[in-house]
Amino acid sequence: MAGSINKRKTGATYERRAAEYLANHNVTILDMNFSLKGGEIDIIGIDQNTYIFVEVKYRKDTSFGHPSEAVTYNKQKTICRIATLYMKIKKLPLNGSFRFDVISILKDEIIWYKNAFYYHI
């Protein structure tokens, strides 16, 4: 149990760092840790006129692979499903401009992958 609490705390720390990084790159943060049954989106924001749904992945080293590799196809499908529900709940135009990004944090290096994957359900 303590391990999952520490993982959650670590995740929240790096999600905040990612949100600060995005804000410093002129992204307006709309929501963080938006969750519904069966999934969560770490950060939702607006980059210029595009809604972005961001997954944040942190690794202290590459012994389990690069952080961005942890955004599997199934994880992408979950993010897409939750993003669709978010847009409906918030009454955003479903035909508006949106994309799926990944923020990868390896030690202290932050890499922002814009359009990291396409919409699929």
C-alpha atoms as a PDB file:
ATOM      1  CA  MET A   1       0.000   0.000   0.000  1.00  0.00           C
ATOM      2  CA  ALA A   2       2.766   2.457   0.885  1.00  0.00           C
ATOM      3  CA  GLY A   3       4.396   1.874  -2.514  1.00  0.00           C
ATOM      4  CA  SER A   4       1.276   2.979  -4.388  1.00  0.00           C
ATOM      5  CA  ILE A   5       0.949   6.075  -2.179  1.00  0.00           C
ATOM      6  CA  ASN A   6       4.561   7.031  -2.912  1.00  0.00           C
ATOM      7  CA  LYS A   7       4.035   6.387  -6.649  1.00  0.00           C
ATOM      8  CA  ARG A   8       0.962   8.624  -6.606  1.00  0.00           C
ATOM      9  CA  LYS A   9       2.861  11.358  -4.745  1.00  0.00           C
ATOM     10  CA  THR A  10       5.785  11.117  -7.185  1.00  0.00           C
ATOM     11  CA  GLY A  11       3.358  11.192 -10.120  1.00  0.00           C
ATOM     12  CA  ALA A  12       1.627  14.299  -8.767  1.00  0.00           C
ATOM     13  CA  THR A  13       4.984  16.048  -8.306  1.00  0.00           C
ATOM     14  CA  TYR A  14       6.011  15.450 -11.910  1.00  0.00           C
ATOM     15  CA  GLU A  15       2.556  16.286 -13.247  1.00  0.00           C
ATOM     16  CA  ARG A  16       2.862  19.680 -11.526  1.00  0.00           C
ATOM     17  CA  ARG A  17       6.324  20.144 -13.082  1.00  0.00           C
ATOM     18  CA  ALA A  18       4.892  19.265 -16.490  1.00  0.00           C
ATOM     19  CA  ALA A  19       2.028  21.742 -16.015  1.00  0.00           C
ATOM     20  CA  GLU A  20       4.526  24.475 -15.067  1.00  0.00           C
ATOM     21  CA  TYR A  21       6.595  23.605 -18.137  1.00  0.00           C
ATOM     22  CA  LEU A  22       3.519  23.856 -20.370  1.00  0.00           C
ATOM     23  CA  ALA A  23       2.425  27.129 -18.757  1.00  0.00           C
ATOM     24  CA  ASN A  24       5.920  28.522 -19.406  1.00  0.00           C
ATOM     25  CA  HIS A  25       5.375  27.587 -23.063  1.00  0.00           C
ATOM     26  CA  ASN A  26       2.130  29.597 -23.280  1.00  0.00           C
ATOM     27  CA  VAL A  27      -0.282  26.737 -22.662  1.00  0.00           C
ATOM     28  CA  THR A  28      -3.389  27.608 -20.656  1.00  0.00           C
ATOM     29  CA  ILE A  29      -4.043  24.800 -18.172  1.00  0.00           C
ATOM     30  CA  LEU A  30      -7.760  23.972 -17.939  1.00  0.00           C
ATOM     31  CA  ASP A  31      -7.760  20.843 -15.794  1.00  0.00           C
ATOM     32  CA  MET A  32      -5.413  18.440 -14.093  1.00  0.00           C
ATOM     33  CA  ASN A  33      -6.078  14.834 -13.166  1.00  0.00           C
ATOM     34  CA  PHE A  34      -9.460  14.778 -14.860  1.00  0.00           C
ATOM     35  CA  SER A  35     -10.833  11.333 -14.112  1.00  0.00           C
ATOM     36  CA  LEU A  36     -13.930   9.380 -14.866  1.00  0.00           C
ATOM     37  CA  LYS A  37     -14.674   5.722 -14.329  1.00  0.00           C
ATOM     38  CA  GLY A  38     -12.000   3.780 -16.123  1.00  0.00           C
ATOM     39  CA  GLY A  39      -9.484   6.489 -16.863  1.00  0.00           C
ATOM     40  CA  GLU A  40      -7.737   9.767 -16.250  1.00  0.00           C
ATOM     41  CA  ILE A  41      -6.073  12.517 -18.228  1.00  0.00           C
ATOM     42  CA  ASP A  42      -3.132  14.132 -16.443  1.00  0.00           C
ATOM     43  CA  ILE A  43      -3.338  17.622 -17.982  1.00  0.00           C
ATOM     44  CA  ILE A  44      -5.853  19.327 -20.253  1.00  0.00           C
ATOM     45  CA  GLY A  45      -4.982  22.680 -21.734  1.00  0.00           C
ATOM     46  CA  ILE A  46      -5.150  25.013 -24.692  1.00  0.00           C
ATOM     47  CA  ASP A  47      -2.090  25.535 -26.875  1.00  0.00           C
ATOM     48  CA  GLN A  48      -2.922  28.502 -29.094  1.00  0.00           C
ATOM     49  CA  ASN A  49      -6.403  27.468 -30.383  1.00  0.00           C
ATOM     50  CA  THR A  50      -5.928  23.732 -29.895  1.00  0.00           C
ATOM     51  CA  TYR A  51      -7.205  21.717 -26.951  1.00  0.00           C
ATOM     52  CA  ILE A  52      -4.472  19.385 -25.737  1.00  0.00           C
ATOM     53  CA  PHE A  53      -4.821  16.221 -23.689  1.00  0.00           C
ATOM     54  CA  VAL A  54      -1.495  15.425 -22.067  1.00  0.00           C
ATOM     55  CA  GLU A  55      -0.172  12.229 -20.537  1.00  0.00           C
ATOM     56  CA  VAL A  56       2.829  12.709 -18.220  1.00  0.00           C
ATOM     57  CA  LYS A  57       5.363   9.922 -17.763  1.00  0.00           C
ATOM     58  CA  TYR A  58       8.373  10.040 -15.440  1.00  0.00           C
ATOM     59  CA  ARG A  59      11.295   7.674 -15.041  1.00  0.00           C
ATOM     60  CA  LYS A  60      14.413   8.132 -12.914  1.00  0.00           C
ATOM     61  CA  ASP A  61      16.372   6.036 -15.442  1.00  0.00           C
ATOM     62  CA  THR A  62      15.806   3.899 -18.531  1.00  0.00           C
ATOM     63  CA  SER A  63      16.011   0.475 -16.874  1.00  0.00           C
ATOM     64  CA  PHE A  64      12.297   0.045 -17.676  1.00  0.00           C
ATOM     65  CA  GLY A  65      12.536   1.908 -20.981  1.00  0.00           C
ATOM     66  CA  HIS A  66      12.101   5.544 -21.930  1.00  0.00           C
ATOM     67  CA  PRO A  67       9.135   7.240 -20.203  1.00  0.00           C
ATOM     68  CA  SER A  68       7.355   7.924 -23.491  1.00  0.00           C
ATOM     69  CA  GLU A  69       7.314   4.182 -24.248  1.00  0.00           C
ATOM     70  CA  ALA A  70       4.938   3.681 -21.318  1.00  0.00           C
ATOM     71  CA  VAL A  71       2.084   5.308 -23.258  1.00  0.00           C
ATOM     72  CA  THR A  72       0.852   2.056 -24.734  1.00  0.00           C
ATOM     73  CA  TYR A  73      -1.867   1.597 -27.338  1.00  0.00           C
ATOM     74  CA  ASN A  74      -4.366   0.661 -24.603  1.00  0.00           C
ATOM     75  CA  LYS A  75      -3.410   3.762 -22.597  1.00  0.00           C
ATOM     76  CA  GLN A  76      -3.902   5.867 -25.734  1.00  0.00           C
ATOM     77  CA  LYS A  77      -7.372   4.374 -26.266  1.00  0.00           C
ATOM     78  CA  THR A  78      -8.298   5.190 -22.660  1.00  0.00           C
ATOM     79  CA  ILE A  79      -7.069   8.783 -23.004  1.00  0.00           C
ATOM     80  CA  CYS A  80      -9.054   9.191 -26.244  1.00  0.00           C
ATOM     81  CA  ARG A  81     -12.224   7.832 -24.613  1.00  0.00           C
ATOM     82  CA  ILE A  82     -11.891  10.121 -21.582  1.00  0.00           C
ATOM     83  CA  ALA A  83     -11.073  13.083 -23.866  1.00  0.00           C
ATOM     84  CA  THR A  84     -14.286  12.481 -25.824  1.00  0.00           C
ATOM     85  CA  LEU A  85     -16.304  12.444 -22.597  1.00  0.00           C
ATOM     86  CA  TYR A  86     -14.496  15.571 -21.364  1.00  0.00           C
ATOM     87  CA  MET A  87     -15.396  17.415 -24.571  1.00  0.00           C
ATOM     88  CA  LYS A  88     -19.048  16.361 -24.228  1.00  0.00           C
ATOM     89  CA  ILE A  89     -19.229  17.289 -20.525  1.00  0.00           C
ATOM     90  CA  LYS A  90     -17.576  20.675 -21.136  1.00  0.00           C
ATOM     91  CA  LYS A  91     -19.636  21.193 -24.315  1.00  0.00           C
ATOM     92  CA  LEU A  92     -16.534  21.659 -26.461  1.00  0.00           C
ATOM     93  CA  PRO A  93     -16.959  21.350 -30.215  1.00  0.00           C
ATOM     94  CA  LEU A  94     -16.234  17.730 -31.146  1.00  0.00           C
ATOM     95  CA  ASN A  95     -15.043  18.946 -34.541  1.00  0.00           C
ATOM     96  CA  GLY A  96     -12.724  21.533 -32.966  1.00  0.00           C
ATOM     97  CA  SER A  97      -8.960  21.419 -32.969  1.00  0.00           C
ATOM     98  CA  PHE A  98      -7.502  18.990 -30.436  1.00  0.00           C
ATOM     99  CA  ARG A  99      -4.464  16.763 -30.081  1.00  0.00           C
ATOM    100  CA  PHE A 100      -2.837  14.233 -27.793  1.00  0.00           C
ATOM    101  CA  ASP A 101       0.570  15.071 -26.329  1.00  0.00           C
ATOM    102  CA  VAL A 102       3.004  13.294 -24.042  1.00  0.00           C
ATOM    103  CA  ILE A 103       5.348  14.947 -21.569  1.00  0.00           C
ATOM    104  CA  SER A 104       8.273  12.652 -20.881  1.00  0.00           C
ATOM    105  CA  ILE A 105      10.438  13.362 -17.848  1.00  0.00           C
ATOM    106  CA  LEU A 106      13.673  11.415 -17.525  1.00  0.00           C
ATOM    107  CA  LYS A 107      15.570  12.490 -14.422  1.00  0.00           C
ATOM    108  CA  ASP A 108      15.392  16.284 -14.902  1.00  0.00           C
ATOM    109  CA  GLU A 109      15.004  16.344 -18.687  1.00  0.00           C
ATOM    110  CA  ILE A 110      11.541  17.275 -19.964  1.00  0.00           C
ATOM    111  CA  ILE A 111      10.549  16.442 -23.533  1.00  0.00           C
ATOM    112  CA  TRP A 112       7.195  17.568 -24.920  1.00  0.00           C
ATOM    113  CA  TYR A 113       5.917  15.330 -27.711  1.00  0.00           C
ATOM    114  CA  LYS A 114       3.197  17.206 -29.567  1.00  0.00           C
ATOM    115  CA  ASN A 115       0.771  15.013 -31.526  1.00  0.00           C
ATOM    116  CA  ALA A 116       2.281  11.973 -29.819  1.00  0.00           C
ATOM    117  CA  PHE A 117      -0.570   9.781 -31.039  1.00  0.00           C
ATOM    118  CA  TYR A 118      -3.750   9.999 -33.059  1.00  0.00           C
ATOM    119  CA  TYR A 119      -7.328   9.762 -31.902  1.00  0.00           C
ATOM    120  CA  HIS A 120      -8.613   6.190 -31.758  1.00  0.00           C
ATOM    121  CA  ILE A 121     -11.193   4.266 -29.806  1.00  0.00           C
END
